[in-house]
C-alpha atoms as a PDB file:
ATOM      1  CA  UNK A   1      -0.358   0.009  -0.073  1.00  0.00           C
ATOM      2  CA  UNK A   2       1.615   3.265  -0.959  1.00  0.00           C
ATOM      3  CA  UNK A   3       0.054   6.250   1.110  1.00  0.00           C
ATOM      4  CA  UNK A   4       0.837   9.828   0.511  1.00  0.00           C
ATOM      5  CA  UNK A   5       1.767  11.472   3.875  1.00  0.00           C
ATOM      6  CA  UNK A   6      -1.299  13.504   3.681  1.00  0.00           C
ATOM      7  CA  UNK A   7      -3.288   9.955   3.955  1.00  0.00           C
ATOM      8  CA  UNK A   8      -1.296   9.154   7.255  1.00  0.00           C
ATOM      9  CA  UNK A   9      -3.367  10.820   9.920  1.00  0.00           C
ATOM     10  CA  UNK A  10      -6.522   8.779   8.997  1.00  0.00           C
ATOM     11  CA  UNK A  11      -4.231   5.919   8.523  1.00  0.00           C
ATOM     12  CA  UNK A  12      -3.116   5.884  11.643  1.00  0.00           C
ATOM     13  CA  UNK A  13      -6.801   6.686  13.398  1.00  0.00           C
ATOM     14  CA  UNK A  14      -7.786   3.672  11.610  1.00  0.00           C
ATOM     15  CA  UNK A  15      -5.329   1.541  12.812  1.00  0.00           C
ATOM     16  CA  UNK A  16      -5.665   2.407  16.018  1.00  0.00           C
ATOM     17  CA  UNK A  17      -9.226   1.275  16.162  1.00  0.00           C
ATOM     18  CA  UNK A  18      -8.005  -2.067  14.971  1.00  0.00           C
ATOM     19  CA  UNK A  19      -7.273  -5.013  17.540  1.00  0.00           C
ATOM     20  CA  UNK A  20      -3.334  -4.981  17.297  1.00  0.00           C
ATOM     21  CA  UNK A  21      -3.252  -8.763  17.418  1.00  0.00           C
ATOM     22  CA  UNK A  22      -5.312  -9.074  14.487  1.00  0.00           C
ATOM     23  CA  UNK A  23      -3.683  -6.068  12.425  1.00  0.00           C
ATOM     24  CA  UNK A  24      -2.204  -8.292  10.162  1.00  0.00           C
ATOM     25  CA  UNK A  25      -5.522  -9.873   8.963  1.00  0.00           C
ATOM     26  CA  UNK A  26      -6.893  -6.275   7.829  1.00  0.00           C
ATOM     27  CA  UNK A  27      -4.980  -5.144   5.040  1.00  0.00           C
ATOM     28  CA  UNK A  28      -5.695  -2.042   3.612  1.00  0.00           C
ATOM     29  CA  UNK A  29      -7.447  -2.621   0.101  1.00  0.00           C
ATOM     30  CA  UNK A  30      -7.382  -5.784   0.062  1.00  0.00           C
ATOM     31  CA  UNK A  31     -10.861  -7.986   0.027  1.00  0.00           C
ATOM     32  CA  UNK A  32     -12.007 -10.552   2.365  1.00  0.00           C
ATOM     33  CA  UNK A  33     -14.791 -12.796   2.412  1.00  0.00           C
ATOM     34  CA  UNK A  34     -16.230 -15.889   3.901  1.00  0.00           C
ATOM     35  CA  UNK A  35     -17.379 -19.077   1.906  1.00  0.00           C
ATOM     36  CA  UNK A  36     -18.418 -21.231   4.876  1.00  0.00           C
ATOM     37  CA  UNK A  37     -21.966 -20.186   4.914  1.00  0.00           C
ATOM     38  CA  UNK A  38     -21.443 -17.450   7.590  1.00  0.00           C
ATOM     39  CA  UNK A  39     -21.752 -15.144   4.940  1.00  0.00           C
ATOM     40  CA  UNK A  40     -24.752 -15.138   2.545  1.00  0.00           C
ATOM     41  CA  UNK A  41     -23.521 -14.984  -1.482  1.00  0.00           C
ATOM     42  CA  UNK A  42     -25.738 -11.634  -1.470  1.00  0.00           C
ATOM     43  CA  UNK A  43     -23.725 -10.308   1.418  1.00  0.00           C
ATOM     44  CA  UNK A  44     -20.516 -11.029  -0.055  1.00  0.00           C
ATOM     45  CA  UNK A  45     -21.532  -9.839  -3.320  1.00  0.00           C
ATOM     46  CA  UNK A  46     -22.605  -6.676  -2.124  1.00  0.00           C
ATOM     47  CA  UNK A  47     -19.798  -6.156   0.255  1.00  0.00           C
ATOM     48  CA  UNK A  48     -17.538  -6.613  -2.939  1.00  0.00           C
ATOM     49  CA  UNK A  49     -19.326  -4.378  -5.115  1.00  0.00           C
ATOM     50  CA  UNK A  50     -19.232  -1.467  -2.525  1.00  0.00           C
ATOM     51  CA  UNK A  51     -15.441  -2.410  -2.044  1.00  0.00           C
ATOM     52  CA  UNK A  52     -14.774  -1.793  -5.842  1.00  0.00           C
ATOM     53  CA  UNK A  53     -16.960   1.461  -5.864  1.00  0.00           C
ATOM     54  CA  UNK A  54     -14.462   2.961  -3.330  1.00  0.00           C
ATOM     55  CA  UNK A  55     -11.644   1.790  -4.712  1.00  0.00           C
ATOM     56  CA  UNK A  56     -12.127   3.308  -8.075  1.00  0.00           C
ATOM     57  CA  UNK A  57     -12.978   6.561  -6.217  1.00  0.00           C
ATOM     58  CA  UNK A  58      -9.429   6.407  -4.399  1.00  0.00           C
ATOM     59  CA  UNK A  59     -10.845   5.586  -1.143  1.00  0.00           C
ATOM     60  CA  UNK A  60      -9.017   3.062   1.064  1.00  0.00           C
ATOM     61  CA  UNK A  61     -10.844   0.297   2.542  1.00  0.00           C
ATOM     62  CA  UNK A  62     -10.434  -2.301   4.928  1.00  0.00           C
ATOM     63  CA  UNK A  63     -12.743  -5.206   5.068  1.00  0.00           C
ATOM     64  CA  UNK A  64     -13.675  -6.884   8.261  1.00  0.00           C
ATOM     65  CA  UNK A  65     -11.498  -5.728  10.662  1.00  0.00           C
ATOM     66  CA  UNK A  66     -11.820  -6.467  14.228  1.00  0.00           C
ATOM     67  CA  UNK A  67     -11.757  -3.488  16.208  1.00  0.00           C
ATOM     68  CA  UNK A  68     -10.605  -2.811  19.472  1.00  0.00           C
ATOM     69  CA  UNK A  69     -14.093  -2.979  21.147  1.00  0.00           C
ATOM     70  CA  UNK A  70     -14.698  -6.480  19.675  1.00  0.00           C
ATOM     71  CA  UNK A  71     -17.139  -5.013  16.456  1.00  0.00           C
ATOM     72  CA  UNK A  72     -16.173  -5.989  13.093  1.00  0.00           C
ATOM     73  CA  UNK A  73     -17.779  -3.402  10.564  1.00  0.00           C
ATOM     74  CA  UNK A  74     -18.217  -5.053   6.942  1.00  0.00           C
ATOM     75  CA  UNK A  75     -16.022  -2.123   5.188  1.00  0.00           C
ATOM     76  CA  UNK A  76     -14.417   0.896   6.889  1.00  0.00           C
ATOM     77  CA  UNK A  77     -13.631   3.467   4.180  1.00  0.00           C
ATOM     78  CA  UNK A  78     -11.252   6.432   4.302  1.00  0.00           C
ATOM     79  CA  UNK A  79      -9.142   8.821   2.261  1.00  0.00           C
ATOM     80  CA  UNK A  80      -7.027  11.849   3.767  1.00  0.00           C
ATOM     81  CA  UNK A  81     -10.075  13.868   5.451  1.00  0.00           C
ATOM     82  CA  UNK A  82     -12.841  11.219   6.381  1.00  0.00           C
ATOM     83  CA  UNK A  83     -13.312   7.952   7.693  1.00  0.00           C
ATOM     84  CA  UNK A  84     -16.623   6.203   7.682  1.00  0.00           C
ATOM     85  CA  UNK A  85     -18.413   2.853   7.865  1.00  0.00           C
ATOM     86  CA  UNK A  86     -20.737   0.883   5.547  1.00  0.00           C
ATOM     87  CA  UNK A  87     -22.532  -2.258   6.972  1.00  0.00           C
ATOM     88  CA  UNK A  88     -24.177  -4.500   4.524  1.00  0.00           C
ATOM     89  CA  UNK A  89     -27.739  -5.708   5.632  1.00  0.00           C
ATOM     90  CA  UNK A  90     -30.493  -8.381   4.764  1.00  0.00           C
ATOM     91  CA  UNK A  91     -32.129  -9.254   7.373  1.00  0.00           C
ATOM     92  CA  UNK A  92     -30.999  -7.529  10.502  1.00  0.00           C
ATOM     93  CA  UNK A  93     -32.961  -6.161  12.907  1.00  0.00           C
ATOM     94  CA  UNK A  94     -33.395  -1.998  13.346  1.00  0.00           C
ATOM     95  CA  UNK A  95     -32.352  -2.800  16.700  1.00  0.00           C
ATOM     96  CA  UNK A  96     -29.093  -4.343  15.670  1.00  0.00           C
ATOM     97  CA  UNK A  97     -28.145  -1.755  13.437  1.00  0.00           C
ATOM     98  CA  UNK A  98     -29.153   1.186  16.274  1.00  0.00           C
ATOM     99  CA  UNK A  99     -26.406  -0.533  18.511  1.00  0.00           C
ATOM    100  CA  UNK A 100     -23.619  -0.801  15.527  1.00  0.00           C
ATOM    101  CA  UNK A 101     -24.110   2.717  14.974  1.00  0.00           C
ATOM    102  CA  UNK A 102     -23.605   3.482  18.720  1.00  0.00           C
ATOM    103  CA  UNK A 103     -20.439   1.265  19.074  1.00  0.00           C
ATOM    104  CA  UNK A 104     -18.664   2.127  16.222  1.00  0.00           C
ATOM    105  CA  UNK A 105     -16.250   4.719  16.107  1.00  0.00           C
ATOM    106  CA  UNK A 106     -17.201   6.418  13.094  1.00  0.00           C
ATOM    107  CA  UNK A 107     -20.513   7.160  11.029  1.00  0.00           C
ATOM    108  CA  UNK A 108     -21.972   4.436   9.749  1.00  0.00           C
ATOM    109  CA  UNK A 109     -24.013   4.096   6.552  1.00  0.00           C
ATOM    110  CA  UNK A 110     -26.430   1.099   6.005  1.00  0.00           C
ATOM    111  CA  UNK A 111     -26.786  -0.481   2.632  1.00  0.00           C
ATOM    112  CA  UNK A 112     -29.360  -2.951   2.207  1.00  0.00           C
ATOM    113  CA  UNK A 113     -29.266  -5.862   0.350  1.00  0.00           C
ATOM    114  CA  UNK A 114     -32.260  -8.039  -1.136  1.00  0.00           C
ATOM    115  CA  UNK A 115     -32.238 -11.838  -0.894  1.00  0.00           C
ATOM    116  CA  UNK A 116     -32.199 -13.221  -4.318  1.00  0.00           C
END
């Protein structure tokens, strides 16, 4: 990953929120998905679509990082001036989404996906 000096501030902020023992699995700009039944194809495909969307626009993306508070957002998206999270949801209840928004360290945008 080649970050420019003006991108280091937000990079460090993201890195500080990711559990140090899992940082090596939270590579910036690498896509990560699960194929063992814990993640539906619709969820995985939408996550990849959103990862591609942000990468094409020059943003850095960390996928499925485990945060210091134990939470695991789908996508952490950042550039030199902003950091935010996208959560891909299909059948999650509103209450669960609200809890995530409270516990995540950055603003959360919910991306809904329909079951195929």
